[in-house]
Amino acid sequence: MENAIKVITPYWYSGTWVFDDAAVDLVREPFVSGVPAMINVLVGEIPDARDGFRLTFSHLAFPGHQRKLDWLREEGGGHWYRSEEDDMEGWLCPALFKYFEEAPPELFVRADGTF
């Protein structure tokens, strides 16, 4: 059985948020198209977040999640999600399928300091 809760450690690199995940062969995978702004909101209270923070995410609600993102539409091989709470939209690239077989109708996320 695959883990329902996943964790990556994004950091700031070359003007945007990126992450590495050796388990799925990703190095400096960038967040683009609205997602960096969404991350900025999530990490607003985390000191030195640009040095790295823990991003927990799941297609299932979990205790302590900060935001729920709702699926909007497919575009360019990726998928748009919306945070109602922040009135923001962001596009998740096809790297999403390294973590999910199909685009989840909802994503739940939480950002924490790495330590």
PDB file of N, CA and C in Angstrom:
ATOM      1  N   MET A   1       0.838  -1.191   0.000  1.00  0.00           N
ATOM      2  CA  MET A   1       0.000   0.000   0.000  1.00  0.00           C
ATOM      3  C   MET A   1       0.882   1.254   0.000  1.00  0.00           C
ATOM      4  N   GLU A   2       0.540   2.189  -0.813  1.00  0.00           N
ATOM      5  CA  GLU A   2       1.288   3.435  -0.947  1.00  0.00           C
ATOM      6  C   GLU A   2       0.914   4.406   0.177  1.00  0.00           C
ATOM      7  N   ASN A   3       1.887   5.192   0.631  1.00  0.00           N
ATOM      8  CA  ASN A   3       1.606   6.189   1.661  1.00  0.00           C
ATOM      9  C   ASN A   3       0.619   7.227   1.149  1.00  0.00           C
ATOM     10  N   ALA A   4      -0.364   7.566   1.968  1.00  0.00           N
ATOM     11  CA  ALA A   4      -1.335   8.590   1.602  1.00  0.00           C
ATOM     12  C   ALA A   4      -0.765   9.986   1.823  1.00  0.00           C
ATOM     13  N   ILE A   5       0.138  10.127   2.794  1.00  0.00           N
ATOM     14  CA  ILE A   5       0.737  11.425   3.104  1.00  0.00           C
ATOM     15  C   ILE A   5       2.153  11.448   2.557  1.00  0.00           C
ATOM     16  N   LYS A   6       2.459  12.504   1.836  1.00  0.00           N
ATOM     17  CA  LYS A   6       3.765  12.648   1.197  1.00  0.00           C
ATOM     18  C   LYS A   6       4.443  13.907   1.722  1.00  0.00           C
ATOM     19  N   VAL A   7       5.781  13.908   1.700  1.00  0.00           N
ATOM     20  CA  VAL A   7       6.547  15.049   2.202  1.00  0.00           C
ATOM     21  C   VAL A   7       7.679  15.356   1.228  1.00  0.00           C
ATOM     22  N   ILE A   8       7.810  16.636   0.890  1.00  0.00           N
ATOM     23  CA  ILE A   8       8.947  17.126   0.121  1.00  0.00           C
ATOM     24  C   ILE A   8       9.524  18.316   0.874  1.00  0.00           C
ATOM     25  N   THR A   9      10.714  18.741   0.477  1.00  0.00           N
ATOM     26  CA  THR A   9      11.372  19.865   1.156  1.00  0.00           C
ATOM     27  C   THR A   9      11.742  20.940   0.134  1.00  0.00           C
ATOM     28  N   PRO A  10      10.794  21.815  -0.200  1.00  0.00           N
ATOM     29  CA  PRO A  10      11.090  22.895  -1.147  1.00  0.00           C
ATOM     30  C   PRO A  10      12.085  23.911  -0.571  1.00  0.00           C
ATOM     31  N   TYR A  11      12.770  24.586  -1.479  1.00  0.00           N
ATOM     32  CA  TYR A  11      13.701  25.656  -1.134  1.00  0.00           C
ATOM     33  C   TYR A  11      13.740  26.638  -2.287  1.00  0.00           C
ATOM     34  N   TRP A  12      14.283  27.821  -2.027  1.00  0.00           N
ATOM     35  CA  TRP A  12      14.342  28.884  -3.027  1.00  0.00           C
ATOM     36  C   TRP A  12      15.617  28.732  -3.844  1.00  0.00           C
ATOM     37  N   TYR A  13      15.464  28.730  -5.161  1.00  0.00           N
ATOM     38  CA  TYR A  13      16.616  28.583  -6.034  1.00  0.00           C
ATOM     39  C   TYR A  13      16.352  29.320  -7.347  1.00  0.00           C
ATOM     40  N   SER A  14      17.276  30.189  -7.721  1.00  0.00           N
ATOM     41  CA  SER A  14      17.218  30.867  -9.013  1.00  0.00           C
ATOM     42  C   SER A  14      15.878  31.566  -9.255  1.00  0.00           C
ATOM     43  N   GLY A  15      15.351  32.192  -8.210  1.00  0.00           N
ATOM     44  CA  GLY A  15      14.155  33.018  -8.358  1.00  0.00           C
ATOM     45  C   GLY A  15      12.818  32.326  -8.209  1.00  0.00           C
ATOM     46  N   THR A  16      12.808  31.060  -7.788  1.00  0.00           N
ATOM     47  CA  THR A  16      11.528  30.388  -7.567  1.00  0.00           C
ATOM     48  C   THR A  16      11.699  29.255  -6.554  1.00  0.00           C
ATOM     49  N   TRP A  17      10.582  28.688  -6.147  1.00  0.00           N
ATOM     50  CA  TRP A  17      10.592  27.523  -5.266  1.00  0.00           C
ATOM     51  C   TRP A  17      10.839  26.274  -6.092  1.00  0.00           C
ATOM     52  N   VAL A  18      11.718  25.406  -5.615  1.00  0.00           N
ATOM     53  CA  VAL A  18      12.031  24.129  -6.262  1.00  0.00           C
ATOM     54  C   VAL A  18      12.108  23.055  -5.178  1.00  0.00           C
ATOM     55  N   PHE A  19      12.174  21.794  -5.612  1.00  0.00           N
ATOM     56  CA  PHE A  19      12.393  20.713  -4.655  1.00  0.00           C
ATOM     57  C   PHE A  19      13.137  19.570  -5.334  1.00  0.00           C
ATOM     58  N   ASP A  20      13.786  18.773  -4.514  1.00  0.00           N
ATOM     59  CA  ASP A  20      14.471  17.567  -4.958  1.00  0.00           C
ATOM     60  C   ASP A  20      13.748  16.370  -4.332  1.00  0.00           C
ATOM     61  N   ASP A  21      13.666  15.288  -5.071  1.00  0.00           N
ATOM     62  CA  ASP A  21      13.133  14.051  -4.509  1.00  0.00           C
ATOM     63  C   ASP A  21      13.778  12.879  -5.244  1.00  0.00           C
ATOM     64  N   ALA A  22      14.840  12.364  -4.657  1.00  0.00           N
ATOM     65  CA  ALA A  22      15.590  11.263  -5.272  1.00  0.00           C
ATOM     66  C   ALA A  22      14.709  10.033  -5.486  1.00  0.00           C
ATOM     67  N   ALA A  23      13.712   9.833  -4.628  1.00  0.00           N
ATOM     68  CA  ALA A  23      12.850   8.652  -4.733  1.00  0.00           C
ATOM     69  C   ALA A  23      12.069   8.611  -6.048  1.00  0.00           C
ATOM     70  N   VAL A  24      11.813   9.788  -6.627  1.00  0.00           N
ATOM     71  CA  VAL A  24      11.078   9.838  -7.897  1.00  0.00           C
ATOM     72  C   VAL A  24      11.908  10.525  -8.991  1.00  0.00           C
ATOM     73  N   ASP A  25      13.220  10.634  -8.754  1.00  0.00           N
ATOM     74  CA  ASP A  25      14.168  11.138  -9.747  1.00  0.00           C
ATOM     75  C   ASP A  25      13.891  12.585 -10.175  1.00  0.00           C
ATOM     76  N   LEU A  26      13.652  13.461  -9.200  1.00  0.00           N
ATOM     77  CA  LEU A  26      13.463  14.882  -9.484  1.00  0.00           C
ATOM     78  C   LEU A  26      14.561  15.691  -8.800  1.00  0.00           C
ATOM     79  N   VAL A  27      15.149  16.623  -9.536  1.00  0.00           N
ATOM     80  CA  VAL A  27      16.174  17.510  -8.996  1.00  0.00           C
ATOM     81  C   VAL A  27      15.829  18.935  -9.419  1.00  0.00           C
ATOM     82  N   ARG A  28      15.753  19.823  -8.434  1.00  0.00           N
ATOM     83  CA  ARG A  28      15.408  21.231  -8.660  1.00  0.00           C
ATOM     84  C   ARG A  28      14.157  21.382  -9.529  1.00  0.00           C
ATOM     85  N   GLU A  29      13.166  20.578  -9.240  1.00  0.00           N
ATOM     86  CA  GLU A  29      11.879  20.651  -9.940  1.00  0.00           C
ATOM     87  C   GLU A  29      11.193  21.952  -9.529  1.00  0.00           C
ATOM     88  N   PRO A  30      10.941  22.858 -10.479  1.00  0.00           N
ATOM     89  CA  PRO A  30      10.386  24.161 -10.105  1.00  0.00           C
ATOM     90  C   PRO A  30       8.864  24.148  -9.960  1.00  0.00           C
ATOM     91  N   PHE A  31       8.399  24.980  -9.067  1.00  0.00           N
ATOM     92  CA  PHE A  31       6.985  25.308  -8.996  1.00  0.00           C
ATOM     93  C   PHE A  31       6.800  26.551  -9.858  1.00  0.00           C
ATOM     94  N   VAL A  32       5.746  26.588 -10.673  1.00  0.00           N
ATOM     95  CA  VAL A  32       5.520  27.693 -11.600  1.00  0.00           C
ATOM     96  C   VAL A  32       4.046  28.079 -11.611  1.00  0.00           C
ATOM     97  N   SER A  33       3.713  29.085 -12.376  1.00  0.00           N
ATOM     98  CA  SER A  33       2.332  29.469 -12.709  1.00  0.00           C
ATOM     99  C   SER A  33       1.404  29.551 -11.501  1.00  0.00           C
ATOM    100  N   GLY A  34       1.690  30.476 -10.609  1.00  0.00           N
ATOM    101  CA  GLY A  34       0.824  30.722  -9.463  1.00  0.00           C
ATOM    102  C   GLY A  34       1.190  29.970  -8.202  1.00  0.00           C
ATOM    103  N   VAL A  35       1.839  28.825  -8.328  1.00  0.00           N
ATOM    104  CA  VAL A  35       2.172  28.030  -7.144  1.00  0.00           C
ATOM    105  C   VAL A  35       3.211  28.744  -6.262  1.00  0.00           C
ATOM    106  N   PRO A  36       4.234  29.420  -6.815  1.00  0.00           N
ATOM    107  CA  PRO A  36       5.156  30.131  -5.925  1.00  0.00           C
ATOM    108  C   PRO A  36       4.448  31.147  -5.013  1.00  0.00           C
ATOM    109  N   ALA A  37       3.467  31.852  -5.543  1.00  0.00           N
ATOM    110  CA  ALA A  37       2.714  32.811  -4.712  1.00  0.00           C
ATOM    111  C   ALA A  37       1.924  32.081  -3.630  1.00  0.00           C
ATOM    112  N   MET A  38       1.362  30.923  -3.963  1.00  0.00           N
ATOM    113  CA  MET A  38       0.624  30.135  -2.975  1.00  0.00           C
ATOM    114  C   MET A  38       1.574  29.662  -1.870  1.00  0.00           C
ATOM    115  N   ILE A  39       2.779  29.245  -2.263  1.00  0.00           N
ATOM    116  CA  ILE A  39       3.765  28.806  -1.277  1.00  0.00           C
ATOM    117  C   ILE A  39       4.167  29.975  -0.387  1.00  0.00           C
ATOM    118  N   ASN A  40       4.353  31.151  -0.968  1.00  0.00           N
ATOM    119  CA  ASN A  40       4.719  32.326  -0.169  1.00  0.00           C
ATOM    120  C   ASN A  40       3.717  32.567   0.953  1.00  0.00           C
ATOM    121  N   VAL A  41       2.439  32.371   0.682  1.00  0.00           N
ATOM    122  CA  VAL A  41       1.407  32.533   1.714  1.00  0.00           C
ATOM    123  C   VAL A  41       1.580  31.463   2.789  1.00  0.00           C
ATOM    124  N   LEU A  42       1.785  30.219   2.372  1.00  0.00           N
ATOM    125  CA  LEU A  42       1.919  29.118   3.334  1.00  0.00           C
ATOM    126  C   LEU A  42       3.108  29.285   4.269  1.00  0.00           C
ATOM    127  N   VAL A  43       4.213  29.823   3.757  1.00  0.00           N
ATOM    128  CA  VAL A  43       5.444  29.899   4.555  1.00  0.00           C
ATOM    129  C   VAL A  43       5.636  31.249   5.225  1.00  0.00           C
ATOM    130  N   GLY A  44       4.636  32.095   5.168  1.00  0.00           N
ATOM    131  CA  GLY A  44       4.749  33.448   5.702  1.00  0.00           C
ATOM    132  C   GLY A  44       5.242  33.538   7.135  1.00  0.00           C
ATOM    133  N   GLU A  45       4.942  32.544   7.954  1.00  0.00           N
ATOM    134  CA  GLU A  45       5.330  32.550   9.363  1.00  0.00           C
ATOM    135  C   GLU A  45       6.549  31.672   9.658  1.00  0.00           C
ATOM    136  N   ILE A  46       7.153  31.095   8.628  1.00  0.00           N
ATOM    137  CA  ILE A  46       8.294  30.202   8.833  1.00  0.00           C
ATOM    138  C   ILE A  46       9.594  30.979   8.624  1.00  0.00           C
ATOM    139  N   PRO A  47      10.382  31.166   9.681  1.00  0.00           N
ATOM    140  CA  PRO A  47      11.654  31.875   9.529  1.00  0.00           C
ATOM    141  C   PRO A  47      12.584  31.124   8.569  1.00  0.00           C
ATOM    142  N   ASP A  48      13.243  31.867   7.725  1.00  0.00           N
ATOM    143  CA  ASP A  48      14.231  31.296   6.791  1.00  0.00           C
ATOM    144  C   ASP A  48      13.657  30.195   5.906  1.00  0.00           C
ATOM    145  N   ALA A  49      12.394  30.302   5.543  1.00  0.00           N
ATOM    146  CA  ALA A  49      11.754  29.269   4.718  1.00  0.00           C
ATOM    147  C   ALA A  49      12.488  29.066   3.399  1.00  0.00           C
ATOM    148  N   ARG A  50      13.090  30.127   2.864  1.00  0.00           N
ATOM    149  CA  ARG A  50      13.786  29.986   1.583  1.00  0.00           C
ATOM    150  C   ARG A  50      14.982  29.034   1.665  1.00  0.00           C
ATOM    151  N   ASP A  51      15.452  28.773   2.867  1.00  0.00           N
ATOM    152  CA  ASP A  51      16.532  27.795   3.038  1.00  0.00           C
ATOM    153  C   ASP A  51      16.004  26.363   3.019  1.00  0.00           C
ATOM    154  N   GLY A  52      14.697  26.216   3.051  1.00  0.00           N
ATOM    155  CA  GLY A  52      14.066  24.908   3.013  1.00  0.00           C
ATOM    156  C   GLY A  52      13.002  24.777   4.083  1.00  0.00           C
ATOM    157  N   PHE A  53      11.916  24.142   3.731  1.00  0.00           N
ATOM    158  CA  PHE A  53      10.834  23.863   4.676  1.00  0.00           C
ATOM    159  C   PHE A  53      10.201  22.533   4.284  1.00  0.00           C
ATOM    160  N   ARG A  54       9.437  21.984   5.191  1.00  0.00           N
ATOM    161  CA  ARG A  54       8.773  20.703   4.955  1.00  0.00           C
ATOM    162  C   ARG A  54       7.359  20.977   4.436  1.00  0.00           C
ATOM    163  N   LEU A  55       7.031  20.418   3.278  1.00  0.00           N
ATOM    164  CA  LEU A  55       5.691  20.526   2.707  1.00  0.00           C
ATOM    165  C   LEU A  55       5.054  19.142   2.721  1.00  0.00           C
ATOM    166  N   THR A  56       4.027  19.008   3.532  1.00  0.00           N
ATOM    167  CA  THR A  56       3.289  17.752   3.648  1.00  0.00           C
ATOM    168  C   THR A  56       2.037  17.888   2.791  1.00  0.00           C
ATOM    169  N   PHE A  57       1.734  16.848   2.008  1.00  0.00           N
ATOM    170  CA  PHE A  57       0.557  16.919   1.148  1.00  0.00           C
ATOM    171  C   PHE A  57      -0.072  15.545   0.978  1.00  0.00           C
ATOM    172  N   SER A  58      -1.363  15.560   0.708  1.00  0.00           N
ATOM    173  CA  SER A  58      -2.112  14.322   0.549  1.00  0.00           C
ATOM    174  C   SER A  58      -3.387  14.591  -0.234  1.00  0.00           C
ATOM    175  N   HIS A  59      -3.915  13.543  -0.834  1.00  0.00           N
ATOM    176  CA  HIS A  59      -5.231  13.634  -1.473  1.00  0.00           C
ATOM    177  C   HIS A  59      -6.347  13.440  -0.441  1.00  0.00           C
ATOM    178  N   LEU A  60      -5.952  13.112   0.785  1.00  0.00           N
ATOM    179  CA  LEU A  60      -6.895  12.947   1.894  1.00  0.00           C
ATOM    180  C   LEU A  60      -6.657  14.029   2.940  1.00  0.00           C
ATOM    181  N   ALA A  61      -7.723  14.497   3.560  1.00  0.00           N
ATOM    182  CA  ALA A  61      -7.570  15.465   4.648  1.00  0.00           C
ATOM    183  C   ALA A  61      -6.780  14.818   5.785  1.00  0.00           C
ATOM    184  N   PHE A  62      -5.879  15.587   6.391  1.00  0.00           N
ATOM    185  CA  PHE A  62      -5.117  15.070   7.526  1.00  0.00           C
ATOM    186  C   PHE A  62      -5.106  16.122   8.629  1.00  0.00           C
ATOM    187  N   PRO A  63      -4.959  15.707   9.884  1.00  0.00           N
ATOM    188  CA  PRO A  63      -4.975  16.657  10.993  1.00  0.00           C
ATOM    189  C   PRO A  63      -3.891  17.723  10.818  1.00  0.00           C
ATOM    190  N   GLY A  64      -4.283  18.966  10.960  1.00  0.00           N
ATOM    191  CA  GLY A  64      -3.334  20.069  10.892  1.00  0.00           C
ATOM    192  C   GLY A  64      -3.069  20.622   9.501  1.00  0.00           C
ATOM    193  N   HIS A  65      -3.772  20.115   8.473  1.00  0.00           N
ATOM    194  CA  HIS A  65      -3.519  20.700   7.146  1.00  0.00           C
ATOM    195  C   HIS A  65      -3.906  22.176   7.174  1.00  0.00           C
ATOM    196  N   GLN A  66      -3.173  22.975   6.397  1.00  0.00           N
ATOM    197  CA  GLN A  66      -3.406  24.422   6.376  1.00  0.00           C
ATOM    198  C   GLN A  66      -4.342  24.856   5.266  1.00  0.00           C
ATOM    199  N   ARG A  67      -4.265  24.177   4.142  1.00  0.00           N
ATOM    200  CA  ARG A  67      -5.086  24.566   2.996  1.00  0.00           C
ATOM    201  C   ARG A  67      -5.630  23.333   2.292  1.00  0.00           C
ATOM    202  N   LYS A  68      -6.804  23.537   1.716  1.00  0.00           N
ATOM    203  CA  LYS A  68      -7.388  22.553   0.808  1.00  0.00           C
ATOM    204  C   LYS A  68      -7.360  23.185  -0.577  1.00  0.00           C
ATOM    205  N   LEU A  69      -6.830  22.445  -1.535  1.00  0.00           N
ATOM    206  CA  LEU A  69      -6.782  22.909  -2.912  1.00  0.00           C
ATOM    207  C   LEU A  69      -7.760  22.073  -3.727  1.00  0.00           C
ATOM    208  N   ASP A  70      -8.598  22.741  -4.489  1.00  0.00           N
ATOM    209  CA  ASP A  70      -9.606  22.058  -5.302  1.00  0.00           C
ATOM    210  C   ASP A  70      -9.172  22.029  -6.760  1.00  0.00           C
ATOM    211  N   TRP A  71      -9.318  20.866  -7.393  1.00  0.00           N
ATOM    212  CA  TRP A  71      -8.985  20.709  -8.802  1.00  0.00           C
ATOM    213  C   TRP A  71      -9.902  21.573  -9.649  1.00  0.00           C
ATOM    214  N   LEU A  72      -9.320  22.233 -10.639  1.00  0.00           N
ATOM    215  CA  LEU A  72     -10.107  23.065 -11.552  1.00  0.00           C
ATOM    216  C   LEU A  72     -10.174  22.491 -12.962  1.00  0.00           C
ATOM    217  N   ARG A  73      -8.977  22.231 -13.545  1.00  0.00           N
ATOM    218  CA  ARG A  73      -8.950  21.795 -14.939  1.00  0.00           C
ATOM    219  C   ARG A  73      -7.563  21.296 -15.310  1.00  0.00           C
ATOM    220  N   GLU A  74      -7.490  20.553 -16.401  1.00  0.00           N
ATOM    221  CA  GLU A  74      -6.220  20.088 -16.962  1.00  0.00           C
ATOM    222  C   GLU A  74      -5.769  21.101 -18.011  1.00  0.00           C
ATOM    223  N   GLU A  75      -4.456  21.310 -18.069  1.00  0.00           N
ATOM    224  CA  GLU A  75      -3.907  22.165 -19.123  1.00  0.00           C
ATOM    225  C   GLU A  75      -2.435  21.818 -19.315  1.00  0.00           C
ATOM    226  N   GLY A  76      -2.040  21.610 -20.540  1.00  0.00           N
ATOM    227  CA  GLY A  76      -0.642  21.400 -20.859  1.00  0.00           C
ATOM    228  C   GLY A  76      -0.005  20.213 -20.146  1.00  0.00           C
ATOM    229  N   GLY A  77      -0.772  19.184 -19.881  1.00  0.00           N
ATOM    230  CA  GLY A  77      -0.248  18.005 -19.199  1.00  0.00           C
ATOM    231  C   GLY A  77      -0.241  18.121 -17.684  1.00  0.00           C
ATOM    232  N   GLY A  78      -0.488  19.321 -17.173  1.00  0.00           N
ATOM    233  CA  GLY A  78      -0.568  19.542 -15.728  1.00  0.00           C
ATOM    234  C   GLY A  78      -1.999  19.867 -15.326  1.00  0.00           C
ATOM    235  N   HIS A  79      -2.152  20.285 -14.071  1.00  0.00           N
ATOM    236  CA  HIS A  79      -3.500  20.533 -13.556  1.00  0.00           C
ATOM    237  C   HIS A  79      -3.531  21.782 -12.693  1.00  0.00           C
ATOM    238  N   TRP A  80      -4.581  22.564 -12.869  1.00  0.00           N
ATOM    239  CA  TRP A  80      -4.806  23.777 -12.077  1.00  0.00           C
ATOM    240  C   TRP A  80      -5.586  23.427 -10.818  1.00  0.00           C
ATOM    241  N   TYR A  81      -5.136  24.030  -9.701  1.00  0.00           N
ATOM    242  CA  TYR A  81      -5.805  23.891  -8.407  1.00  0.00           C
ATOM    243  C   TYR A  81      -6.079  25.271  -7.842  1.00  0.00           C
ATOM    244  N   ARG A  82      -7.108  25.350  -6.997  1.00  0.00           N
ATOM    245  CA  ARG A  82      -7.511  26.631  -6.404  1.00  0.00           C
ATOM    246  C   ARG A  82      -7.609  26.509  -4.894  1.00  0.00           C
ATOM    247  N   SER A  83      -7.094  27.532  -4.220  1.00  0.00           N
ATOM    248  CA  SER A  83      -7.280  27.680  -2.782  1.00  0.00           C
ATOM    249  C   SER A  83      -8.379  28.718  -2.574  1.00  0.00           C
ATOM    250  N   GLU A  84      -9.554  28.271  -2.166  1.00  0.00           N
ATOM    251  CA  GLU A  84     -10.662  29.201  -1.902  1.00  0.00           C
ATOM    252  C   GLU A  84     -10.279  30.197  -0.817  1.00  0.00           C
ATOM    253  N   GLU A  85      -9.616  29.701   0.219  1.00  0.00           N
ATOM    254  CA  GLU A  85      -9.277  30.540   1.368  1.00  0.00           C
ATOM    255  C   GLU A  85      -8.440  31.745   0.969  1.00  0.00           C
ATOM    256  N   ASP A  86      -7.517  31.542   0.037  1.00  0.00           N
ATOM    257  CA  ASP A  86      -6.624  32.630  -0.383  1.00  0.00           C
ATOM    258  C   ASP A  86      -7.028  33.244  -1.719  1.00  0.00           C
ATOM    259  N   ASP A  87      -8.063  32.703  -2.351  1.00  0.00           N
ATOM    260  CA  ASP A  87      -8.489  33.161  -3.673  1.00  0.00           C
ATOM    261  C   ASP A  87      -7.312  33.154  -4.647  1.00  0.00           C
ATOM    262  N   MET A  88      -6.600  32.020  -4.686  1.00  0.00           N
ATOM    263  CA  MET A  88      -5.430  31.874  -5.541  1.00  0.00           C
ATOM    264  C   MET A  88      -5.541  30.576  -6.340  1.00  0.00           C
ATOM    265  N   GLU A  89      -4.938  30.604  -7.531  1.00  0.00           N
ATOM    266  CA  GLU A  89      -4.864  29.421  -8.379  1.00  0.00           C
ATOM    267  C   GLU A  89      -3.422  29.148  -8.738  1.00  0.00           C
ATOM    268  N   GLY A  90      -3.095  27.863  -8.917  1.00  0.00           N
ATOM    269  CA  GLY A  90      -1.757  27.489  -9.327  1.00  0.00           C
ATOM    270  C   GLY A  90      -1.789  26.218 -10.150  1.00  0.00           C
ATOM    271  N   TRP A  91      -0.797  26.093 -11.033  1.00  0.00           N
ATOM    272  CA  TRP A  91      -0.700  24.953 -11.944  1.00  0.00           C
ATOM    273  C   TRP A  91       0.369  23.997 -11.448  1.00  0.00           C
ATOM    274  N   LEU A  92       0.007  22.746 -11.288  1.00  0.00           N
ATOM    275  CA  LEU A  92       0.963  21.703 -10.923  1.00  0.00           C
ATOM    276  C   LEU A  92       1.314  20.922 -12.178  1.00  0.00           C
ATOM    277  N   CYS A  93       2.596  20.879 -12.480  1.00  0.00           N
ATOM    278  CA  CYS A  93       3.096  20.271 -13.713  1.00  0.00           C
ATOM    279  C   CYS A  93       2.944  18.743 -13.673  1.00  0.00           C
ATOM    280  N   PRO A  94       3.276  18.063 -14.769  1.00  0.00           N
ATOM    281  CA  PRO A  94       3.134  16.610 -14.802  1.00  0.00           C
ATOM    282  C   PRO A  94       3.945  15.851 -13.747  1.00  0.00           C
ATOM    283  N   ALA A  95       4.858  16.510 -13.046  1.00  0.00           N
ATOM    284  CA  ALA A  95       5.535  15.837 -11.923  1.00  0.00           C
ATOM    285  C   ALA A  95       4.533  15.392 -10.861  1.00  0.00           C
ATOM    286  N   LEU A  96       3.329  15.958 -10.881  1.00  0.00           N
ATOM    287  CA  LEU A  96       2.252  15.531  -9.980  1.00  0.00           C
ATOM    288  C   LEU A  96       2.043  14.016 -10.065  1.00  0.00           C
ATOM    289  N   PHE A  97       2.271  13.456 -11.273  1.00  0.00           N
ATOM    290  CA  PHE A  97       2.022  12.035 -11.481  1.00  0.00           C
ATOM    291  C   PHE A  97       3.158  11.147 -10.976  1.00  0.00           C
ATOM    292  N   LYS A  98       4.188  11.751 -10.427  1.00  0.00           N
ATOM    293  CA  LYS A  98       5.205  10.988  -9.714  1.00  0.00           C
ATOM    294  C   LYS A  98       4.663  10.581  -8.333  1.00  0.00           C
ATOM    295  N   TYR A  99       3.600  11.284  -7.893  1.00  0.00           N
ATOM    296  CA  TYR A  99       3.023  11.078  -6.562  1.00  0.00           C
ATOM    297  C   TYR A  99       1.608  10.508  -6.588  1.00  0.00           C
ATOM    298  N   PHE A 100       0.892  10.732  -7.691  1.00  0.00           N
ATOM    299  CA  PHE A 100      -0.493  10.275  -7.807  1.00  0.00           C
ATOM    300  C   PHE A 100      -0.715   9.676  -9.199  1.00  0.00           C
ATOM    301  N   GLU A 101      -1.499   8.626  -9.271  1.00  0.00           N
ATOM    302  CA  GLU A 101      -1.800   8.008 -10.565  1.00  0.00           C
ATOM    303  C   GLU A 101      -2.634   8.921 -11.441  1.00  0.00           C
ATOM    304  N   GLU A 102      -3.514   9.682 -10.824  1.00  0.00           N
ATOM    305  CA  GLU A 102      -4.315  10.669 -11.546  1.00  0.00           C
ATOM    306  C   GLU A 102      -4.427  11.912 -10.678  1.00  0.00           C
ATOM    307  N   ALA A 103      -4.804  13.011 -11.286  1.00  0.00           N
ATOM    308  CA  ALA A 103      -4.906  14.267 -10.542  1.00  0.00           C
ATOM    309  C   ALA A 103      -6.015  14.154  -9.501  1.00  0.00           C
ATOM    310  N   PRO A 104      -5.676  14.317  -8.220  1.00  0.00           N
ATOM    311  CA  PRO A 104      -6.708  14.220  -7.181  1.00  0.00           C
ATOM    312  C   PRO A 104      -7.711  15.376  -7.280  1.00  0.00           C
ATOM    313  N   PRO A 105      -8.969  15.122  -6.942  1.00  0.00           N
ATOM    314  CA  PRO A 105      -9.959  16.202  -6.936  1.00  0.00           C
ATOM    315  C   PRO A 105      -9.691  17.244  -5.849  1.00  0.00           C
ATOM    316  N   GLU A 106      -8.972  16.834  -4.809  1.00  0.00           N
ATOM    317  CA  GLU A 106      -8.594  17.750  -3.728  1.00  0.00           C
ATOM    318  C   GLU A 106      -7.179  17.405  -3.284  1.00  0.00           C
ATOM    319  N   LEU A 107      -6.442  18.435  -2.895  1.00  0.00           N
ATOM    320  CA  LEU A 107      -5.136  18.252  -2.260  1.00  0.00           C
ATOM    321  C   LEU A 107      -5.155  19.010  -0.950  1.00  0.00           C
ATOM    322  N   PHE A 108      -4.560  18.426   0.067  1.00  0.00           N
ATOM    323  CA  PHE A 108      -4.470  19.052   1.382  1.00  0.00           C
ATOM    324  C   PHE A 108      -2.994  19.257   1.668  1.00  0.00           C
ATOM    325  N   VAL A 109      -2.626  20.464   2.134  1.00  0.00           N
ATOM    326  CA  VAL A 109      -1.205  20.802   2.291  1.00  0.00           C
ATOM    327  C   VAL A 109      -0.932  21.456   3.643  1.00  0.00           C
ATOM    328  N   ARG A 110       0.320  21.322   4.061  1.00  0.00           N
ATOM    329  CA  ARG A 110       0.811  21.964   5.277  1.00  0.00           C
ATOM    330  C   ARG A 110       2.286  22.268   5.099  1.00  0.00           C
ATOM    331  N   ALA A 111       2.694  23.481   5.526  1.00  0.00           N
ATOM    332  CA  ALA A 111       4.100  23.871   5.487  1.00  0.00           C
ATOM    333  C   ALA A 111       4.608  24.023   6.922  1.00  0.00           C
ATOM    334  N   ASP A 112       5.792  23.461   7.178  1.00  0.00           N
ATOM    335  CA  ASP A 112       6.432  23.542   8.499  1.00  0.00           C
ATOM    336  C   ASP A 112       7.920  23.809   8.304  1.00  0.00           C
ATOM    337  N   GLY A 113       8.544  24.390   9.342  1.00  0.00           N
ATOM    338  CA  GLY A 113       9.983  24.508   9.331  1.00  0.00           C
ATOM    339  C   GLY A 113      10.591  23.113   9.243  1.00  0.00           C
ATOM    340  N   THR A 114      11.791  23.003   8.701  1.00  0.00           N
ATOM    341  CA  THR A 114      12.374  21.685   8.475  1.00  0.00           C
ATOM    342  C   THR A 114      12.882  21.038   9.741  1.00  0.00           C
ATOM    343  N   PHE A 115      12.989  21.764  10.834  1.00  0.00           N
ATOM    344  CA  PHE A 115      13.544  21.180  12.053  1.00  0.00           C
ATOM    345  C   PHE A 115      12.502  21.090  13.141  1.00  0.00           C
TER     346      PHE A 115
END
